[in-house]
Amino acid sequence: MPLALFSLLLAGSGACHSTSSTSRTEPAVRTLDVRTVSHGSLTLPNRATSVKFAVIGDSGRGTPPQHEIAAQMTAYREDFPFAFVLMLGDNLYEGLATRDDYRRKFEEPYRRLLDQGVKFYASLGNHDDPQEIIYPLFNMDGERYYSFSPPEDLLTKIATHVEFFALDSTNLDRTQLRWIDERLDKSDAEWKVCFFHHPLYTSGRYRVWARGFRLILEPLLVRHGVDAVFSGHEHIYQRTELQSGIQYFVSGGAGSLRRGDATPASYVARSFDTDYHFMLIEIEKDALHFQAISRTGETVDAGTLYKDARDARPETPKRQDTAILR
C-alpha cells in the first residue's frame, strides 16, 4: 500500500470534510440501462451537442496491442468524433521517461488522433514519471491534480455542463484532498466526473488496496454528488453496480492485460479480461452513455447512466436489466 495512503488511513480523512450547505448529503437516485449490441457497431446516440470522449488506462508500453487499440479508437472516431481522451495513469512504462519513451509509447501509437486535434488529459499512475506533468501533450499544466471543462464548442458547453477532476491517487495527501473537496464544492457542473489511477471498487488483485482508497475518497465523492469515476491500475475492464449513486468503471486495458483477474464479486456488474480494450463515452443532458470496445472491435459492455431514474427512456433497445439505487 502506498505510504501516503497508509498515513492517511492512520490519521483519518477528517481533514477533507466540507461544511458547505451546497454539498449533497444523500446519494442521487439514478438508473442504469445495459444492452447488448452487434460486433463493430456504435451504441452511442452521437448527438450533435453532446460531450464525446474516449478513455484509456495503463496504455504506455509501445507494444503492438497498444497500437491496435489506438487503431480501433481512430476507426471509431470516423463515426463518433470524440474531442478528447482521459488517460487513467501508467501512461508511460517504466521509470524515468525519456524523449524516446514519449515518442514510442504515446506519440507514435496515437499519431493519427493527435494529428486530428484530439486532446489527451492524463492522470498519474504508480509507474509514471512525476515529470510527465510538464509534458505538453498530457495537458496537465504542471499539476499533479487539476480540473477542466471539455474542449467543445460553445453550443455543446451550453447544452451540457460537464467538469472533470483528475487526481494523483499514487500520492494522496491532505493538501490534495482539501483541494478536491473545495473544488467539487464550488463546481456548478451538471455532471461531475472524476478520474485517477487506483480503483475504489475492483474484484481484481488490488481489491484490498481498493478498500483503503474507498475509505478516504468515497465519502467525499458521495457528498459532492460525483456522477461517475474512471480508474485504471487493474489490467481489465469492470463496471460496478451503482454504489451510493456513483457509477465506477475500471479501464486498465489499453496497453496491458491480465487474463483471469476479473473474479466475481457482488458489487461488480460486468467484467472483461480476455483482451485489451478502451472506452467511448457520451454525455448529453440527463444521460451518460458508455461503450467498452475490445482490440478486435467487439463491444464488451454498453449502456446508459441516467441522472435521475425518472429520465430513463422505456423504449431503450435491447435492454438487459435496469438497476435503480435509492
C-alpha atoms as a PDB file:
ATOM      1  CA  MET A   1       0.000   0.000   0.000  1.00  0.00           C
ATOM      2  CA  PRO A   2       1.419   3.455  -0.895  1.00  0.00           C
ATOM      3  CA  LEU A   3       2.918   5.189   2.129  1.00  0.00           C
ATOM      4  CA  ALA A   4       0.787   8.312   1.657  1.00  0.00           C
ATOM      5  CA  LEU A   5      -2.413   6.256   1.644  1.00  0.00           C
ATOM      6  CA  PHE A   6      -1.321   4.288   4.713  1.00  0.00           C
ATOM      7  CA  SER A   7      -0.591   7.529   6.589  1.00  0.00           C
ATOM      8  CA  LEU A   8      -3.977   8.979   5.697  1.00  0.00           C
ATOM      9  CA  LEU A   9      -5.746   5.846   6.890  1.00  0.00           C
ATOM     10  CA  LEU A  10      -3.919   6.011  10.208  1.00  0.00           C
ATOM     11  CA  ALA A  11      -4.727   9.686  10.673  1.00  0.00           C
ATOM     12  CA  GLY A  12      -8.276   9.502   9.353  1.00  0.00           C
ATOM     13  CA  SER A  13      -9.716  11.524   6.499  1.00  0.00           C
ATOM     14  CA  GLY A  14     -11.413  14.193   8.588  1.00  0.00           C
ATOM     15  CA  ALA A  15      -9.299  16.954   7.062  1.00  0.00           C
ATOM     16  CA  CYS A  16     -11.285  16.808   3.847  1.00  0.00           C
ATOM     17  CA  HIS A  17     -14.780  17.194   5.313  1.00  0.00           C
ATOM     18  CA  SER A  18     -16.759  20.073   3.847  1.00  0.00           C
ATOM     19  CA  THR A  19     -19.151  22.282   5.779  1.00  0.00           C
ATOM     20  CA  SER A  20     -20.823  23.806   2.724  1.00  0.00           C
ATOM     21  CA  SER A  21     -24.598  23.764   2.615  1.00  0.00           C
ATOM     22  CA  THR A  22     -24.487  23.082  -1.125  1.00  0.00           C
ATOM     23  CA  SER A  23     -22.892  19.659  -0.721  1.00  0.00           C
ATOM     24  CA  ARG A  24     -25.132  16.693  -1.409  1.00  0.00           C
ATOM     25  CA  THR A  25     -25.647  14.548   1.702  1.00  0.00           C
ATOM     26  CA  GLU A  26     -27.905  11.902   0.187  1.00  0.00           C
ATOM     27  CA  PRO A  27     -26.951   9.714  -2.809  1.00  0.00           C
ATOM     28  CA  ALA A  28     -28.707  10.507  -6.047  1.00  0.00           C
ATOM     29  CA  VAL A  29     -31.431   8.260  -7.385  1.00  0.00           C
ATOM     30  CA  ARG A  30     -30.161   7.074 -10.741  1.00  0.00           C
ATOM     31  CA  THR A  31     -30.987   4.305 -13.139  1.00  0.00           C
ATOM     32  CA  LEU A  32     -28.730   2.275 -15.394  1.00  0.00           C
ATOM     33  CA  ASP A  33     -29.770   0.608 -18.653  1.00  0.00           C
ATOM     34  CA  VAL A  34     -27.463  -2.069 -20.054  1.00  0.00           C
ATOM     35  CA  ARG A  35     -27.733  -3.584 -23.530  1.00  0.00           C
ATOM     36  CA  THR A  36     -26.017  -5.919 -25.958  1.00  0.00           C
ATOM     37  CA  VAL A  37     -25.087  -4.919 -29.498  1.00  0.00           C
ATOM     38  CA  SER A  38     -23.703  -6.448 -32.649  1.00  0.00           C
ATOM     39  CA  HIS A  39     -19.980  -6.658 -33.394  1.00  0.00           C
ATOM     40  CA  GLY A  40     -18.362  -3.433 -34.515  1.00  0.00           C
ATOM     41  CA  SER A  41     -21.414  -1.191 -34.155  1.00  0.00           C
ATOM     42  CA  LEU A  42     -21.632   2.119 -32.318  1.00  0.00           C
ATOM     43  CA  THR A  43     -24.183   2.086 -29.489  1.00  0.00           C
ATOM     44  CA  LEU A  44     -23.886   5.749 -28.542  1.00  0.00           C
ATOM     45  CA  PRO A  45     -26.533   8.268 -29.688  1.00  0.00           C
ATOM     46  CA  ASN A  46     -23.907  10.560 -31.275  1.00  0.00           C
ATOM     47  CA  ARG A  47     -25.868  13.765 -30.714  1.00  0.00           C
ATOM     48  CA  ALA A  48     -24.656  16.989 -32.291  1.00  0.00           C
ATOM     49  CA  THR A  49     -24.288  18.879 -28.996  1.00  0.00           C
ATOM     50  CA  SER A  50     -23.149  16.083 -26.661  1.00  0.00           C
ATOM     51  CA  VAL A  51     -19.807  15.798 -24.865  1.00  0.00           C
ATOM     52  CA  LYS A  52     -17.868  12.960 -26.519  1.00  0.00           C
ATOM     53  CA  PHE A  53     -14.629  11.431 -25.263  1.00  0.00           C
ATOM     54  CA  ALA A  54     -12.603   8.229 -25.023  1.00  0.00           C
ATOM     55  CA  VAL A  55     -10.974   6.587 -22.009  1.00  0.00           C
ATOM     56  CA  ILE A  56      -7.713   4.611 -21.864  1.00  0.00           C
ATOM     57  CA  GLY A  57      -5.751   3.250 -18.936  1.00  0.00           C
ATOM     58  CA  ASP A  58      -2.392   1.541 -18.411  1.00  0.00           C
ATOM     59  CA  SER A  59      -1.584   2.185 -22.032  1.00  0.00           C
ATOM     60  CA  GLY A  60       2.015   3.281 -22.370  1.00  0.00           C
ATOM     61  CA  ARG A  61       4.060   0.283 -23.462  1.00  0.00           C
ATOM     62  CA  GLY A  62       4.652   0.937 -27.154  1.00  0.00           C
ATOM     63  CA  THR A  63       3.662  -2.655 -27.951  1.00  0.00           C
ATOM     64  CA  PRO A  64       1.519  -3.973 -30.839  1.00  0.00           C
ATOM     65  CA  PRO A  65      -1.635  -4.281 -28.671  1.00  0.00           C
ATOM     66  CA  GLN A  66      -1.401  -0.590 -27.758  1.00  0.00           C
ATOM     67  CA  HIS A  67      -1.127   0.290 -31.439  1.00  0.00           C
ATOM     68  CA  GLU A  68      -4.095  -1.961 -32.253  1.00  0.00           C
ATOM     69  CA  ILE A  69      -6.258  -0.299 -29.607  1.00  0.00           C
ATOM     70  CA  ALA A  70      -5.201   3.103 -30.975  1.00  0.00           C
ATOM     71  CA  ALA A  71      -6.220   1.950 -34.460  1.00  0.00           C
ATOM     72  CA  GLN A  72      -9.661   0.940 -33.175  1.00  0.00           C
ATOM     73  CA  MET A  73     -10.037   4.323 -31.482  1.00  0.00           C
ATOM     74  CA  THR A  74      -9.158   6.054 -34.745  1.00  0.00           C
ATOM     75  CA  ALA A  75     -11.606   3.899 -36.707  1.00  0.00           C
ATOM     76  CA  TYR A  76     -14.472   4.536 -34.287  1.00  0.00           C
ATOM     77  CA  ARG A  77     -13.759   8.263 -34.365  1.00  0.00           C
ATOM     78  CA  GLU A  78     -14.792   8.346 -38.014  1.00  0.00           C
ATOM     79  CA  ASP A  79     -18.379   7.822 -36.833  1.00  0.00           C
ATOM     80  CA  PHE A  80     -18.054   9.204 -33.308  1.00  0.00           C
ATOM     81  CA  PRO A  81     -15.917  12.378 -33.366  1.00  0.00           C
ATOM     82  CA  PHE A  82     -14.716  12.487 -29.760  1.00  0.00           C
ATOM     83  CA  ALA A  83     -12.744  15.606 -28.928  1.00  0.00           C
ATOM     84  CA  PHE A  84     -10.531  14.338 -26.119  1.00  0.00           C
ATOM     85  CA  VAL A  85      -9.239  11.291 -24.234  1.00  0.00           C
ATOM     86  CA  LEU A  86      -8.945  10.673 -20.490  1.00  0.00           C
ATOM     87  CA  MET A  87      -5.759   8.823 -19.506  1.00  0.00           C
ATOM     88  CA  LEU A  88      -6.071   6.826 -16.282  1.00  0.00           C
ATOM     89  CA  GLY A  89      -2.397   6.520 -15.407  1.00  0.00           C
ATOM     90  CA  ASP A  90       0.600   4.352 -16.234  1.00  0.00           C
ATOM     91  CA  ASN A  91       0.806   6.450 -19.359  1.00  0.00           C
ATOM     92  CA  LEU A  92       4.499   5.606 -19.900  1.00  0.00           C
ATOM     93  CA  TYR A  93       6.050   2.414 -18.587  1.00  0.00           C
ATOM     94  CA  GLU A  94       8.630   2.330 -16.966  1.00  0.00           C
ATOM     95  CA  GLY A  95      10.768   4.544 -14.721  1.00  0.00           C
ATOM     96  CA  LEU A  96      12.120   7.944 -15.733  1.00  0.00           C
ATOM     97  CA  ALA A  97      10.575   8.958 -19.059  1.00  0.00           C
ATOM     98  CA  THR A  98      12.948   9.802 -21.881  1.00  0.00           C
ATOM     99  CA  ARG A  99      12.156  11.646 -25.087  1.00  0.00           C
ATOM    100  CA  ASP A 100      12.148   8.247 -26.792  1.00  0.00           C
ATOM    101  CA  ASP A 101       9.528   6.988 -24.289  1.00  0.00           C
ATOM    102  CA  TYR A 102       7.171   9.845 -25.144  1.00  0.00           C
ATOM    103  CA  ARG A 103       7.657   9.129 -28.826  1.00  0.00           C
ATOM    104  CA  ARG A 104       7.344   5.313 -28.829  1.00  0.00           C
ATOM    105  CA  LYS A 105       4.751   4.889 -26.075  1.00  0.00           C
ATOM    106  CA  PHE A 106       2.467   7.834 -26.792  1.00  0.00           C
ATOM    107  CA  GLU A 107       3.094   9.933 -29.875  1.00  0.00           C
ATOM    108  CA  GLU A 108       3.521   7.075 -32.358  1.00  0.00           C
ATOM    109  CA  PRO A 109       0.512   4.963 -31.263  1.00  0.00           C
ATOM    110  CA  TYR A 110      -1.852   7.970 -31.198  1.00  0.00           C
ATOM    111  CA  ARG A 111      -0.324   9.960 -34.054  1.00  0.00           C
ATOM    112  CA  ARG A 112      -3.450   9.969 -36.208  1.00  0.00           C
ATOM    113  CA  LEU A 113      -5.610  11.140 -33.302  1.00  0.00           C
ATOM    114  CA  LEU A 114      -3.119  13.844 -32.365  1.00  0.00           C
ATOM    115  CA  ASP A 115      -2.974  14.998 -35.991  1.00  0.00           C
ATOM    116  CA  GLN A 116      -6.782  15.261 -35.939  1.00  0.00           C
ATOM    117  CA  GLY A 117      -6.603  17.636 -32.967  1.00  0.00           C
ATOM    118  CA  VAL A 118      -7.718  15.193 -30.266  1.00  0.00           C
ATOM    119  CA  LYS A 119      -6.509  16.318 -26.820  1.00  0.00           C
ATOM    120  CA  PHE A 120      -5.279  13.919 -24.136  1.00  0.00           C
ATOM    121  CA  TYR A 121      -5.771  14.662 -20.425  1.00  0.00           C
ATOM    122  CA  ALA A 122      -3.578  12.498 -18.209  1.00  0.00           C
ATOM    123  CA  SER A 123      -3.584  11.425 -14.587  1.00  0.00           C
ATOM    124  CA  LEU A 124      -0.517   9.888 -12.971  1.00  0.00           C
ATOM    125  CA  GLY A 125      -0.162   6.187 -12.196  1.00  0.00           C
ATOM    126  CA  ASN A 126       2.268   4.373  -9.936  1.00  0.00           C
ATOM    127  CA  HIS A 127       4.556   3.572 -12.901  1.00  0.00           C
ATOM    128  CA  ASP A 128       4.621   7.131 -14.241  1.00  0.00           C
ATOM    129  CA  ASP A 129       7.497   9.574 -14.092  1.00  0.00           C
ATOM    130  CA  PRO A 130       6.279  12.557 -11.964  1.00  0.00           C
ATOM    131  CA  GLN A 131       7.800  14.863 -14.586  1.00  0.00           C
ATOM    132  CA  GLU A 132       5.060  13.850 -17.012  1.00  0.00           C
ATOM    133  CA  ILE A 133       3.067  16.741 -15.558  1.00  0.00           C
ATOM    134  CA  ILE A 134       5.104  19.155 -17.704  1.00  0.00           C
ATOM    135  CA  TYR A 135       4.752  17.188 -20.952  1.00  0.00           C
ATOM    136  CA  PRO A 136       2.562  19.489 -23.108  1.00  0.00           C
ATOM    137  CA  LEU A 137       0.528  16.767 -24.819  1.00  0.00           C
ATOM    138  CA  PHE A 138      -0.729  15.409 -21.476  1.00  0.00           C
ATOM    139  CA  ASN A 139      -2.353  18.803 -20.763  1.00  0.00           C
ATOM    140  CA  MET A 140      -1.632  18.727 -17.019  1.00  0.00           C
ATOM    141  CA  ASP A 141      -0.104  22.221 -16.979  1.00  0.00           C
ATOM    142  CA  GLY A 142       2.495  21.213 -14.406  1.00  0.00           C
ATOM    143  CA  GLU A 143      -0.065  19.991 -11.850  1.00  0.00           C
ATOM    144  CA  ARG A 144      -0.467  16.532 -10.283  1.00  0.00           C
ATOM    145  CA  TYR A 145      -4.201  17.147  -9.886  1.00  0.00           C
ATOM    146  CA  TYR A 146      -6.459  19.536 -11.750  1.00  0.00           C
ATOM    147  CA  SER A 147      -9.922  20.094 -13.209  1.00  0.00           C
ATOM    148  CA  PHE A 148     -11.103  21.091 -16.658  1.00  0.00           C
ATOM    149  CA  SER A 149     -14.177  21.577 -18.779  1.00  0.00           C
ATOM    150  CA  PRO A 150     -14.403  19.777 -22.129  1.00  0.00           C
ATOM    151  CA  PRO A 151     -12.776  21.401 -25.175  1.00  0.00           C
ATOM    152  CA  GLU A 152     -16.081  21.592 -27.003  1.00  0.00           C
ATOM    153  CA  ASP A 153     -17.833  24.294 -28.970  1.00  0.00           C
ATOM    154  CA  LEU A 154     -19.946  26.895 -27.166  1.00  0.00           C
ATOM    155  CA  LEU A 155     -23.272  25.275 -28.061  1.00  0.00           C
ATOM    156  CA  THR A 156     -22.190  21.968 -26.527  1.00  0.00           C
ATOM    157  CA  LYS A 157     -20.993  23.669 -23.353  1.00  0.00           C
ATOM    158  CA  ILE A 158     -24.342  25.414 -23.007  1.00  0.00           C
ATOM    159  CA  ALA A 159     -26.341  22.245 -23.672  1.00  0.00           C
ATOM    160  CA  THR A 160     -24.449  20.007 -21.216  1.00  0.00           C
ATOM    161  CA  HIS A 161     -22.235  21.390 -18.465  1.00  0.00           C
ATOM    162  CA  VAL A 162     -19.580  18.816 -17.512  1.00  0.00           C
ATOM    163  CA  GLU A 163     -16.493  19.180 -15.341  1.00  0.00           C
ATOM    164  CA  PHE A 164     -13.686  16.652 -14.997  1.00  0.00           C
ATOM    165  CA  PHE A 165     -11.457  16.234 -11.941  1.00  0.00           C
ATOM    166  CA  ALA A 166      -8.085  14.456 -12.197  1.00  0.00           C
ATOM    167  CA  LEU A 167      -6.403  13.185  -9.036  1.00  0.00           C
ATOM    168  CA  ASP A 168      -2.979  11.771  -8.265  1.00  0.00           C
ATOM    169  CA  SER A 169      -4.040   8.679  -6.332  1.00  0.00           C
ATOM    170  CA  THR A 170      -0.442   7.461  -6.063  1.00  0.00           C
ATOM    171  CA  ASN A 171       0.403  10.408  -3.829  1.00  0.00           C
ATOM    172  CA  LEU A 172      -2.776  11.287  -1.975  1.00  0.00           C
ATOM    173  CA  ASP A 173      -2.165  13.805   0.783  1.00  0.00           C
ATOM    174  CA  ARG A 174      -4.213  16.223   2.861  1.00  0.00           C
ATOM    175  CA  THR A 175      -3.470  19.144   0.553  1.00  0.00           C
ATOM    176  CA  GLN A 176      -4.835  17.268  -2.449  1.00  0.00           C
ATOM    177  CA  LEU A 177      -7.883  16.054  -0.512  1.00  0.00           C
ATOM    178  CA  ARG A 178      -8.607  19.583   0.627  1.00  0.00           C
ATOM    179  CA  TRP A 179      -8.304  20.801  -2.972  1.00  0.00           C
ATOM    180  CA  ILE A 180     -10.740  18.230  -4.414  1.00  0.00           C
ATOM    181  CA  ASP A 181     -13.170  18.813  -1.558  1.00  0.00           C
ATOM    182  CA  GLU A 182     -13.215  22.553  -2.195  1.00  0.00           C
ATOM    183  CA  ARG A 183     -13.150  22.259  -5.990  1.00  0.00           C
ATOM    184  CA  LEU A 184     -16.097  19.845  -6.115  1.00  0.00           C
ATOM    185  CA  ASP A 185     -17.996  22.053  -3.697  1.00  0.00           C
ATOM    186  CA  LYS A 186     -17.527  25.113  -5.891  1.00  0.00           C
ATOM    187  CA  SER A 187     -18.414  23.353  -9.130  1.00  0.00           C
ATOM    188  CA  ASP A 188     -21.827  24.114 -10.590  1.00  0.00           C
ATOM    189  CA  ALA A 189     -21.489  21.467 -13.312  1.00  0.00           C
ATOM    190  CA  GLU A 190     -24.485  19.276 -14.065  1.00  0.00           C
ATOM    191  CA  TRP A 191     -22.145  16.289 -14.432  1.00  0.00           C
ATOM    192  CA  LYS A 192     -19.091  15.755 -12.235  1.00  0.00           C
ATOM    193  CA  VAL A 193     -16.653  13.102 -13.457  1.00  0.00           C
ATOM    194  CA  CYS A 194     -13.500  12.069 -11.575  1.00  0.00           C
ATOM    195  CA  PHE A 195     -10.599  10.088 -12.991  1.00  0.00           C
ATOM    196  CA  PHE A 196      -7.489   8.708 -11.342  1.00  0.00           C
ATOM    197  CA  HIS A 197      -5.341   5.581 -11.354  1.00  0.00           C
ATOM    198  CA  HIS A 198      -6.275   3.402  -8.369  1.00  0.00           C
ATOM    199  CA  PRO A 199      -9.830   1.990  -8.292  1.00  0.00           C
ATOM    200  CA  LEU A 200     -12.173   2.261  -5.331  1.00  0.00           C
ATOM    201  CA  TYR A 201     -14.014  -0.887  -6.380  1.00  0.00           C
ATOM    202  CA  THR A 202     -12.414  -3.901  -8.046  1.00  0.00           C
ATOM    203  CA  SER A 203     -12.552  -7.667  -7.815  1.00  0.00           C
ATOM    204  CA  GLY A 204      -9.046  -7.950  -9.250  1.00  0.00           C
ATOM    205  CA  ARG A 205      -5.749  -8.424  -7.463  1.00  0.00           C
ATOM    206  CA  TYR A 206      -5.841  -4.974  -5.827  1.00  0.00           C
ATOM    207  CA  ARG A 207      -9.162  -5.302  -4.028  1.00  0.00           C
ATOM    208  CA  VAL A 208      -7.538  -4.901  -0.580  1.00  0.00           C
ATOM    209  CA  TRP A 209      -5.868  -1.640  -1.603  1.00  0.00           C
ATOM    210  CA  ALA A 210      -9.180  -0.500  -3.091  1.00  0.00           C
ATOM    211  CA  ARG A 211     -10.797  -0.625   0.346  1.00  0.00           C
ATOM    212  CA  GLY A 212      -8.233   1.829   1.639  1.00  0.00           C
ATOM    213  CA  PHE A 213      -8.802   4.286  -1.200  1.00  0.00           C
ATOM    214  CA  ARG A 214     -12.546   3.840  -0.741  1.00  0.00           C
ATOM    215  CA  LEU A 215     -12.423   4.785   2.938  1.00  0.00           C
ATOM    216  CA  ILE A 216     -10.668   8.037   2.092  1.00  0.00           C
ATOM    217  CA  LEU A 217     -12.317   9.142  -1.149  1.00  0.00           C
ATOM    218  CA  GLU A 218     -15.809   7.674  -1.358  1.00  0.00           C
ATOM    219  CA  PRO A 219     -17.477   9.820   1.376  1.00  0.00           C
ATOM    220  CA  LEU A 220     -16.150  12.940  -0.328  1.00  0.00           C
ATOM    221  CA  LEU A 221     -17.350  11.844  -3.786  1.00  0.00           C
ATOM    222  CA  VAL A 222     -20.813  10.963  -2.496  1.00  0.00           C
ATOM    223  CA  ARG A 223     -21.141  14.166  -0.510  1.00  0.00           C
ATOM    224  CA  HIS A 224     -20.452  16.326  -3.567  1.00  0.00           C
ATOM    225  CA  GLY A 225     -22.665  14.412  -5.984  1.00  0.00           C
ATOM    226  CA  VAL A 226     -19.996  12.949  -8.270  1.00  0.00           C
ATOM    227  CA  ASP A 227     -21.709  11.001 -11.057  1.00  0.00           C
ATOM    228  CA  ALA A 228     -19.009   8.722 -12.470  1.00  0.00           C
ATOM    229  CA  VAL A 229     -15.451   7.665 -11.637  1.00  0.00           C
ATOM    230  CA  PHE A 230     -12.908   6.166 -14.057  1.00  0.00           C
ATOM    231  CA  SER A 231      -9.806   4.333 -12.806  1.00  0.00           C
ATOM    232  CA  GLY A 232      -7.147   2.006 -14.187  1.00  0.00           C
ATOM    233  CA  HIS A 233      -4.403   0.036 -12.367  1.00  0.00           C
ATOM    234  CA  GLU A 234      -6.199  -3.277 -12.844  1.00  0.00           C
ATOM    235  CA  HIS A 235      -5.418  -4.520 -16.365  1.00  0.00           C
ATOM    236  CA  ILE A 236      -9.050  -5.486 -17.005  1.00  0.00           C
ATOM    237  CA  TYR A 237     -12.426  -3.874 -17.616  1.00  0.00           C
ATOM    238  CA  GLN A 238     -15.038  -3.696 -14.872  1.00  0.00           C
ATOM    239  CA  ARG A 239     -18.255  -1.805 -14.248  1.00  0.00           C
ATOM    240  CA  THR A 240     -19.725  -1.822 -10.779  1.00  0.00           C
ATOM    241  CA  GLU A 241     -23.288  -1.865  -9.669  1.00  0.00           C
ATOM    242  CA  LEU A 242     -24.220   1.673  -8.660  1.00  0.00           C
ATOM    243  CA  GLN A 243     -22.542   2.482  -5.352  1.00  0.00           C
ATOM    244  CA  SER A 244     -24.249   5.250  -3.336  1.00  0.00           C
ATOM    245  CA  GLY A 245     -25.421   6.773  -6.595  1.00  0.00           C
ATOM    246  CA  ILE A 246     -21.990   6.697  -8.293  1.00  0.00           C
ATOM    247  CA  GLN A 247     -21.007   4.622 -11.315  1.00  0.00           C
ATOM    248  CA  TYR A 248     -17.440   3.280 -11.094  1.00  0.00           C
ATOM    249  CA  PHE A 249     -15.504   1.996 -14.096  1.00  0.00           C
ATOM    250  CA  VAL A 250     -12.147   0.224 -14.191  1.00  0.00           C
ATOM    251  CA  SER A 251     -10.472   0.577 -17.579  1.00  0.00           C
ATOM    252  CA  GLY A 252      -6.849  -0.512 -17.443  1.00  0.00           C
ATOM    253  CA  GLY A 253      -6.530  -2.499 -20.639  1.00  0.00           C
ATOM    254  CA  ALA A 254      -5.421  -0.094 -23.374  1.00  0.00           C
ATOM    255  CA  GLY A 255      -1.878  -1.476 -23.378  1.00  0.00           C
ATOM    256  CA  SER A 256      -1.777  -4.014 -20.564  1.00  0.00           C
ATOM    257  CA  LEU A 257      -3.752  -7.190 -19.846  1.00  0.00           C
ATOM    258  CA  ARG A 258      -4.075  -9.706 -17.024  1.00  0.00           C
ATOM    259  CA  ARG A 259      -6.251 -12.557 -18.164  1.00  0.00           C
ATOM    260  CA  GLY A 260      -8.268 -14.220 -15.419  1.00  0.00           C
ATOM    261  CA  ASP A 261      -8.001 -11.360 -12.904  1.00  0.00           C
ATOM    262  CA  ALA A 262     -11.684 -10.371 -13.065  1.00  0.00           C
ATOM    263  CA  THR A 263     -13.077 -12.609 -10.353  1.00  0.00           C
ATOM    264  CA  PRO A 264     -16.800 -12.466  -9.446  1.00  0.00           C
ATOM    265  CA  ALA A 265     -17.995 -10.071  -6.729  1.00  0.00           C
ATOM    266  CA  SER A 266     -21.424  -8.899  -5.593  1.00  0.00           C
ATOM    267  CA  TYR A 267     -20.660  -5.267  -6.434  1.00  0.00           C
ATOM    268  CA  VAL A 268     -19.402  -5.986  -9.987  1.00  0.00           C
ATOM    269  CA  ALA A 269     -21.957  -5.835 -12.796  1.00  0.00           C
ATOM    270  CA  ARG A 270     -19.696  -6.562 -15.778  1.00  0.00           C
ATOM    271  CA  SER A 271     -16.116  -7.734 -16.257  1.00  0.00           C
ATOM    272  CA  PHE A 272     -13.879  -8.374 -19.246  1.00  0.00           C
ATOM    273  CA  ASP A 273     -10.346  -9.741 -19.007  1.00  0.00           C
ATOM    274  CA  THR A 274      -9.717 -11.743 -22.180  1.00  0.00           C
ATOM    275  CA  ASP A 275      -8.444  -8.930 -24.414  1.00  0.00           C
ATOM    276  CA  TYR A 276      -7.319  -5.319 -24.447  1.00  0.00           C
ATOM    277  CA  HIS A 277      -9.962  -2.564 -24.571  1.00  0.00           C
ATOM    278  CA  PHE A 278     -10.813   1.138 -24.483  1.00  0.00           C
ATOM    279  CA  MET A 279     -14.000   3.091 -23.769  1.00  0.00           C
ATOM    280  CA  LEU A 280     -16.156   5.652 -25.563  1.00  0.00           C
ATOM    281  CA  ILE A 281     -18.363   7.974 -23.514  1.00  0.00           C
ATOM    282  CA  GLU A 282     -21.091  10.426 -24.471  1.00  0.00           C
ATOM    283  CA  ILE A 283     -22.801  12.819 -22.062  1.00  0.00           C
ATOM    284  CA  GLU A 284     -25.940  14.619 -23.129  1.00  0.00           C
ATOM    285  CA  LYS A 285     -28.271  16.494 -20.787  1.00  0.00           C
ATOM    286  CA  ASP A 286     -29.646  13.813 -18.447  1.00  0.00           C
ATOM    287  CA  ALA A 287     -27.640  10.794 -19.623  1.00  0.00           C
ATOM    288  CA  LEU A 288     -24.132   9.340 -19.707  1.00  0.00           C
ATOM    289  CA  HIS A 289     -23.777   6.680 -22.396  1.00  0.00           C
ATOM    290  CA  PHE A 290     -20.830   4.276 -22.335  1.00  0.00           C
ATOM    291  CA  GLN A 291     -19.361   1.613 -24.596  1.00  0.00           C
ATOM    292  CA  ALA A 292     -16.348  -0.596 -23.873  1.00  0.00           C
ATOM    293  CA  ILE A 293     -14.680  -1.966 -27.013  1.00  0.00           C
ATOM    294  CA  SER A 294     -12.065  -4.686 -27.398  1.00  0.00           C
ATOM    295  CA  ARG A 295      -8.965  -4.778 -29.596  1.00  0.00           C
ATOM    296  CA  THR A 296     -10.944  -6.638 -32.276  1.00  0.00           C
ATOM    297  CA  GLY A 297     -13.801  -4.110 -32.274  1.00  0.00           C
ATOM    298  CA  GLU A 298     -16.155  -6.234 -30.169  1.00  0.00           C
ATOM    299  CA  THR A 299     -18.435  -4.309 -27.811  1.00  0.00           C
ATOM    300  CA  VAL A 300     -17.950  -5.926 -24.422  1.00  0.00           C
ATOM    301  CA  ASP A 301     -20.251  -3.620 -22.450  1.00  0.00           C
ATOM    302  CA  ALA A 302     -22.630  -0.784 -23.255  1.00  0.00           C
ATOM    303  CA  GLY A 303     -25.365   1.139 -21.514  1.00  0.00           C
ATOM    304  CA  THR A 304     -26.675   4.428 -20.205  1.00  0.00           C
ATOM    305  CA  LEU A 305     -26.492   6.051 -16.783  1.00  0.00           C
ATOM    306  CA  TYR A 306     -29.392   8.433 -16.275  1.00  0.00           C
ATOM    307  CA  LYS A 307     -29.073  11.407 -13.963  1.00  0.00           C
ATOM    308  CA  ASP A 308     -32.432  10.600 -12.449  1.00  0.00           C
ATOM    309  CA  ALA A 309     -34.476   7.410 -12.632  1.00  0.00           C
ATOM    310  CA  ARG A 310     -37.432   9.387 -13.961  1.00  0.00           C
ATOM    311  CA  ASP A 311     -35.414  10.302 -17.055  1.00  0.00           C
ATOM    312  CA  ALA A 312     -34.959   6.702 -18.221  1.00  0.00           C
ATOM    313  CA  ARG A 313     -36.474   6.056 -21.617  1.00  0.00           C
ATOM    314  CA  PRO A 314     -38.644   2.917 -21.666  1.00  0.00           C
ATOM    315  CA  GLU A 315     -38.022   2.429 -25.364  1.00  0.00           C
ATOM    316  CA  THR A 316     -34.265   1.837 -24.865  1.00  0.00           C
ATOM    317  CA  PRO A 317     -33.472  -1.017 -27.276  1.00  0.00           C
ATOM    318  CA  LYS A 318     -32.288  -4.461 -26.197  1.00  0.00           C
ATOM    319  CA  ARG A 319     -32.326  -3.632 -22.508  1.00  0.00           C
ATOM    320  CA  GLN A 320     -30.935  -6.437 -20.383  1.00  0.00           C
ATOM    321  CA  ASP A 321     -31.551  -5.065 -16.924  1.00  0.00           C
ATOM    322  CA  THR A 322     -32.285  -1.871 -15.047  1.00  0.00           C
ATOM    323  CA  ALA A 323     -30.872  -1.068 -11.607  1.00  0.00           C
ATOM    324  CA  ILE A 324     -32.321   1.759  -9.517  1.00  0.00           C
ATOM    325  CA  LEU A 325     -30.499   2.784  -6.357  1.00  0.00           C
ATOM    326  CA  ARG A 326     -32.442   4.650  -3.684  1.00  0.00           C
END
